[in-house]
Protein backbone atom coordinates (compact mmCIF):
# COMPACT_ATOMS: atom_id res chain seq x y z
CA MET A 1 -224.80 -131.80 25.49
CA LYS A 2 -228.26 -130.83 26.90
CA PHE A 3 -229.77 -134.11 27.22
CA LEU A 4 -226.57 -135.48 28.72
CA SER A 5 -226.36 -132.62 30.98
CA ALA A 6 -230.25 -133.35 32.14
CA GLY A 7 -229.02 -137.18 32.22
CA ILE A 8 -226.20 -136.44 34.32
CA VAL A 9 -229.01 -133.97 36.62
CA ALA A 10 -230.96 -136.84 36.91
CA MET A 11 -228.47 -139.36 38.30
CA VAL A 12 -227.24 -137.22 40.75
CA PHE A 13 -230.49 -136.76 42.04
CA MET A 14 -231.47 -140.24 41.75
CA ALA A 15 -228.96 -141.62 44.61
CA PRO A 16 -229.99 -139.49 47.26
CA ALA A 17 -233.99 -140.82 46.87
CA PHE A 18 -232.58 -144.32 46.94
CA ALA A 19 -230.68 -143.60 50.09
CA GLN A 20 -233.57 -142.25 51.39
CA GLU A 21 -235.01 -145.55 51.83
CA LEU A 22 -232.27 -146.79 54.42
CA PRO A 23 -233.83 -146.64 58.05
CA GLU A 24 -232.42 -143.40 59.43
CA ALA A 25 -230.02 -145.53 62.31
CA VAL A 26 -228.29 -146.99 59.23
CA ARG A 27 -227.89 -143.34 57.11
CA LYS A 28 -226.90 -142.14 60.49
CA GLN A 29 -224.35 -144.73 60.58
CA GLY A 30 -222.97 -144.59 57.16
CA HIS A 31 -222.27 -147.76 56.24
CA LEU A 32 -223.81 -151.43 56.31
CA ARG A 33 -222.06 -154.22 58.25
CA VAL A 34 -222.18 -157.33 56.07
CA GLY A 35 -221.69 -161.00 57.60
CA ILE A 36 -220.29 -163.58 54.88
CA GLU A 37 -219.06 -166.78 54.74
CA ALA A 38 -216.58 -167.01 52.06
CA THR A 39 -216.13 -171.05 51.47
CA TYR A 40 -219.47 -171.75 49.31
CA PRO A 41 -218.48 -171.86 45.50
CA PRO A 42 -220.02 -169.82 43.58
CA MET A 43 -222.21 -168.43 45.96
CA ALA A 44 -219.05 -166.86 48.08
CA TYR A 45 -215.20 -167.86 48.35
CA LYS A 46 -211.44 -166.93 47.69
CA ASP A 47 -209.98 -166.82 44.99
CA PRO A 48 -206.98 -169.21 45.27
CA ALA A 49 -204.90 -166.74 43.12
CA THR A 50 -205.39 -163.40 44.60
CA ASN A 51 -207.30 -164.41 47.87
CA GLU A 52 -209.59 -162.15 47.22
CA ARG A 53 -213.66 -162.92 48.00
CA ARG A 54 -215.51 -163.64 45.18
CA GLY A 55 -219.28 -165.04 43.87
CA VAL A 56 -222.55 -164.40 43.06
CA ASN A 57 -223.83 -162.91 46.54
CA VAL A 58 -220.41 -160.55 46.74
CA ASP A 59 -221.20 -159.02 43.24
CA LEU A 60 -225.01 -158.70 44.14
CA VAL A 61 -224.71 -157.22 47.71
CA THR A 62 -221.58 -154.95 45.94
CA ALA A 63 -224.01 -153.63 43.58
CA ILE A 64 -226.94 -153.26 45.96
CA GLY A 65 -224.36 -150.92 48.26
CA LYS A 66 -224.66 -148.84 44.79
CA GLU A 67 -228.20 -148.67 44.15
CA LEU A 68 -228.18 -147.57 47.98
CA GLY A 69 -225.63 -145.33 47.71
CA ILE A 70 -223.79 -146.67 50.86
CA GLU A 71 -220.55 -148.26 52.04
CA LEU A 72 -220.21 -151.63 52.72
CA ARG A 73 -217.77 -153.13 55.23
CA TRP A 74 -217.56 -156.88 55.34
CA GLU A 75 -217.69 -159.40 58.00
CA GLU A 76 -216.29 -162.71 57.35
CA MET A 77 -217.34 -165.07 59.36
CA ALA A 78 -218.14 -169.09 59.91
CA PHE A 79 -221.88 -170.00 58.49
CA ALA A 80 -222.66 -171.15 61.90
CA GLN A 81 -221.59 -167.91 63.47
CA LEU A 82 -224.33 -165.62 61.01
CA ILE A 83 -227.21 -165.96 62.94
CA PRO A 84 -226.14 -165.47 66.04
CA ALA A 85 -224.48 -162.45 64.47
CA ILE A 86 -227.20 -161.02 63.04
CA ALA A 87 -228.95 -161.63 66.37
CA THR A 88 -226.79 -159.69 68.69
CA ASN A 89 -226.39 -156.69 66.18
CA ARG A 90 -222.78 -158.11 65.23
CA VAL A 91 -223.69 -157.43 61.17
CA ASP A 92 -227.14 -155.66 59.69
CA PHE A 93 -227.28 -158.58 57.57
CA SER A 94 -226.06 -161.96 56.13
CA GLY A 95 -225.01 -161.61 52.54
CA SER A 96 -224.37 -165.52 52.51
CA SER A 97 -226.69 -167.96 50.84
CA MET A 98 -229.16 -169.00 53.33
CA THR A 99 -231.65 -171.64 52.14
CA ASP A 100 -235.28 -169.74 53.88
CA LEU A 101 -237.30 -172.48 56.20
CA PRO A 102 -240.70 -171.72 58.24
CA SER A 103 -237.87 -172.64 60.86
CA ARG A 104 -235.51 -169.78 60.48
CA ARG A 105 -238.28 -167.32 60.08
CA GLU A 106 -238.88 -167.78 64.06
CA LYS A 107 -235.92 -165.42 64.50
CA LEU A 108 -235.44 -164.29 60.61
CA SER A 109 -236.84 -162.39 58.18
CA PHE A 110 -235.41 -162.90 54.25
CA VAL A 111 -234.63 -161.21 51.53
CA ASP A 112 -235.62 -164.33 48.83
CA TYR A 113 -233.00 -163.65 45.46
CA ILE A 114 -232.41 -167.00 43.55
CA SER A 115 -233.98 -170.95 43.59
CA THR A 116 -231.96 -173.74 44.21
CA GLY A 117 -232.41 -177.30 45.51
CA ALA A 118 -230.74 -180.95 45.58
CA GLN A 119 -229.16 -181.83 42.31
CA ILE A 120 -228.24 -185.17 41.31
CA PHE A 121 -225.06 -185.59 39.11
CA THR A 122 -222.88 -188.40 38.55
CA THR A 123 -219.69 -188.76 36.55
CA VAL A 124 -219.49 -189.53 32.82
CA GLN A 125 -217.88 -192.80 34.37
CA GLN A 126 -220.44 -193.77 36.22
CA GLN A 127 -223.66 -192.20 34.29
CA LYS A 128 -224.55 -195.59 32.94
CA GLY A 129 -226.66 -194.12 30.88
CA ALA A 130 -228.70 -192.53 33.63
CA GLN A 131 -230.58 -189.27 32.31
CA GLN A 132 -233.58 -188.44 34.96
CA PRO A 133 -233.07 -188.40 38.49
CA ILE A 134 -235.77 -191.84 38.28
CA ASP A 135 -233.18 -193.60 36.82
CA PHE A 136 -231.31 -193.48 40.17
CA CYS A 137 -233.83 -195.62 41.57
CA GLY A 138 -231.81 -198.56 43.16
CA ARG A 139 -228.64 -197.20 43.13
CA SER A 140 -226.68 -195.13 45.39
CA ILE A 141 -226.39 -191.53 46.11
CA ALA A 142 -224.06 -189.72 48.50
CA THR A 143 -224.96 -185.91 49.89
CA PRO A 144 -224.29 -184.41 53.10
CA ARG A 145 -226.00 -185.66 56.03
CA THR A 146 -226.29 -182.41 57.86
CA THR A 147 -228.26 -180.36 55.18
CA ASN A 148 -231.82 -180.75 53.90
CA TYR A 149 -230.59 -182.81 51.15
CA PHE A 150 -230.22 -185.76 53.13
CA PRO A 151 -234.29 -186.38 54.19
CA GLN A 152 -235.20 -184.75 50.60
CA ALA A 153 -233.53 -187.68 48.52
CA GLN A 154 -234.89 -189.66 50.91
CA ALA A 155 -238.71 -189.01 50.61
CA TRP A 156 -237.90 -188.68 47.31
CA SER A 157 -237.11 -192.18 46.69
CA GLU A 158 -240.18 -193.27 48.55
CA LYS A 159 -242.49 -191.31 46.64
CA ASN A 160 -240.76 -191.52 43.13
CA CYS A 161 -238.87 -195.60 43.30
CA VAL A 162 -240.91 -197.25 46.33
CA ALA A 163 -243.90 -195.99 45.38
CA ALA A 164 -243.84 -196.69 41.47
CA GLY A 165 -242.50 -200.47 42.61
CA LYS A 166 -238.82 -199.47 41.87
CA PRO A 167 -236.03 -200.38 44.17
CA PRO A 168 -234.98 -197.22 46.70
CA ILE A 169 -232.23 -194.85 46.09
CA ARG A 170 -229.39 -195.82 48.98
CA VAL A 171 -229.27 -192.54 50.65
CA ILE A 172 -225.27 -192.40 51.77
CA GLY A 173 -224.73 -189.34 54.45
CA THR A 174 -221.89 -187.77 54.41
CA GLU A 175 -219.73 -185.21 56.61
CA GLY A 176 -220.00 -182.14 53.94
CA ALA A 177 -219.74 -181.54 50.14
CA ALA A 178 -216.29 -182.59 49.76
CA ALA A 179 -216.97 -185.79 51.54
CA ALA A 180 -219.87 -186.46 49.07
CA ARG A 181 -217.55 -185.64 46.18
CA THR A 182 -215.02 -188.17 47.29
CA ASP A 183 -217.26 -191.00 47.31
CA LEU A 184 -219.06 -190.62 44.31
CA GLN A 185 -215.05 -190.18 42.20
CA GLN A 186 -213.81 -192.74 44.19
CA GLY A 187 -216.92 -195.11 43.25
CA ARG A 188 -218.07 -195.43 46.59
CA ALA A 189 -221.56 -194.06 45.37
CA ASP A 190 -223.22 -193.78 42.36
CA GLY A 191 -223.99 -190.23 42.16
CA ALA A 192 -224.20 -187.17 44.62
CA ILE A 193 -226.56 -184.50 45.62
CA LEU A 194 -225.62 -181.12 46.21
CA GLY A 195 -227.12 -177.57 46.00
CA ALA A 196 -227.66 -177.03 42.29
CA GLU A 197 -225.10 -173.68 42.15
CA TYR A 198 -222.41 -175.66 43.71
CA VAL A 199 -223.14 -178.45 41.14
CA VAL A 200 -222.76 -175.83 38.17
CA TYR A 201 -219.40 -174.26 40.05
CA LEU A 202 -218.56 -178.06 40.01
CA SER A 203 -218.83 -178.61 36.35
CA GLN A 204 -217.10 -174.91 35.06
CA GLN A 205 -213.74 -176.37 37.64
CA ASN A 206 -213.92 -179.96 36.20
CA PRO A 207 -214.96 -179.57 32.46
CA GLY A 208 -215.94 -183.18 30.84
CA THR A 209 -215.86 -184.40 34.55
CA PHE A 210 -219.29 -184.70 35.96
CA VAL A 211 -222.69 -184.67 34.28
CA THR A 212 -226.50 -183.41 36.15
CA ILE A 213 -228.82 -185.48 35.88
CA GLY A 214 -231.85 -183.96 34.85
CA GLU A 215 -233.48 -180.69 37.20
CA PRO A 216 -233.37 -181.08 40.77
CA ILE A 217 -235.54 -183.12 42.68
CA SER A 218 -236.45 -180.21 45.35
CA ARG A 219 -236.96 -176.12 45.36
CA ASN A 220 -236.24 -173.70 47.90
CA LEU A 221 -235.28 -169.93 47.85
CA SER A 222 -232.16 -168.79 49.25
CA GLY A 223 -232.38 -165.70 50.90
CA MET A 224 -230.38 -162.53 52.64
CA ALA A 225 -231.38 -162.86 56.30
CA PHE A 226 -232.03 -159.88 58.65
CA ALA A 227 -233.29 -159.95 62.22
CA LYS A 228 -237.22 -159.69 62.23
CA GLU A 229 -237.01 -155.67 63.59
CA GLN A 230 -234.87 -154.35 60.87
CA ALA A 231 -237.68 -154.89 58.20
CA PRO A 232 -237.16 -151.34 56.83
CA LEU A 233 -233.66 -152.21 56.03
CA ARG A 234 -234.84 -155.85 54.54
CA ASP A 235 -237.28 -153.82 52.40
CA ALA A 236 -234.99 -151.02 51.11
CA VAL A 237 -232.74 -154.44 50.12
CA ALA A 238 -235.45 -156.08 48.51
CA GLY A 239 -235.96 -152.75 46.70
CA ALA A 240 -232.83 -152.28 45.62
CA LEU A 241 -232.82 -155.67 44.07
CA ASN A 242 -235.93 -155.45 42.66
CA ARG A 243 -234.70 -152.40 40.25
CA MET A 244 -231.30 -154.20 39.58
CA ILE A 245 -233.91 -157.23 38.10
CA SER A 246 -235.72 -154.36 36.00
CA ASN A 247 -232.01 -153.01 34.63
CA GLY A 248 -230.61 -156.22 33.73
CA THR A 249 -228.12 -155.93 36.65
CA TYR A 250 -229.40 -159.14 38.39
CA MET A 251 -229.32 -161.06 35.75
CA GLU A 252 -225.95 -159.97 34.17
CA ILE A 253 -224.16 -161.17 37.78
CA LEU A 254 -226.30 -164.39 37.18
CA LYS A 255 -225.48 -165.21 33.96
CA LYS A 256 -221.29 -164.06 35.19
CA HIS A 257 -221.32 -167.22 37.07
CA GLY A 258 -223.36 -169.63 34.72
CA LEU A 259 -226.52 -169.68 37.01
CA GLU A 260 -229.13 -168.08 35.10
CA LYS A 261 -231.15 -171.03 35.06
CA GLN A 262 -231.75 -170.36 38.83
CA ALA A 263 -232.93 -166.47 38.76
CA LEU A 264 -235.87 -165.28 40.34
CA SER A 265 -238.58 -162.66 38.17
CA ALA A 266 -239.23 -160.87 41.18
CA ILE A 267 -237.87 -161.04 44.62
CA THR A 268 -240.32 -162.23 47.90
CA ILE A 269 -240.39 -161.89 51.25
CA ASP A 270 -239.99 -164.82 53.63
CA ALA A 271 -241.47 -166.98 50.67
CA GLY A 272 -239.36 -170.31 51.31
CA GLU A 273 -241.12 -173.78 51.81
């Protein structure tokens, strides 16, 4: 009982210590306003049965709030609204997955918490023996034209297909992820490229339908985005995530959603390329 009591006392004193990492303005505010775009499974989406928010980001940010000892208030919005909401102080940070790109760091700072990349996949019927990305030289791939995946696929094809004397991949630009998947399933493309985490989710939801082709052809880091002047809050969130890596909470959440291969060994700041 003595040891149990000592443990409880230690826990009581630990929580305020973590809370002290938060900027004074946030502590006075008494809560964190978190922007979230809930249409991108498995990172953040609505459960079709209950309409509740689900996903990796939801679980991670919820755990961060507990680690820092502060209430969370979600602000749901479209992805295009996240950066303006951060800039105008409508939210304290974005809890959605946002690729940490140098161009975005002109206005934002990122806590990088997961790796991602352009993943080639196809259907069982259209695999035709393909095991690695190189097997798609001379074939067609659909991917959203408004994402980094479109130029990344073209650049990869030039470097790995054309430079090796093989025919290029024919990259078909689509209006979005759903359109890319539709082109694949209706036979207008031999394969598709989407984010590695989304391909995992599709495979979970459609067992036996899709086949992942090798490793992603690019590697990026996804992060939670903060205004540059919010560096103290950014660092508090990064510290909470690093503790969650140490105590196993981080990996437990990623494994729950099948994304353990995309885990980072340590949280980084503005390390995207």
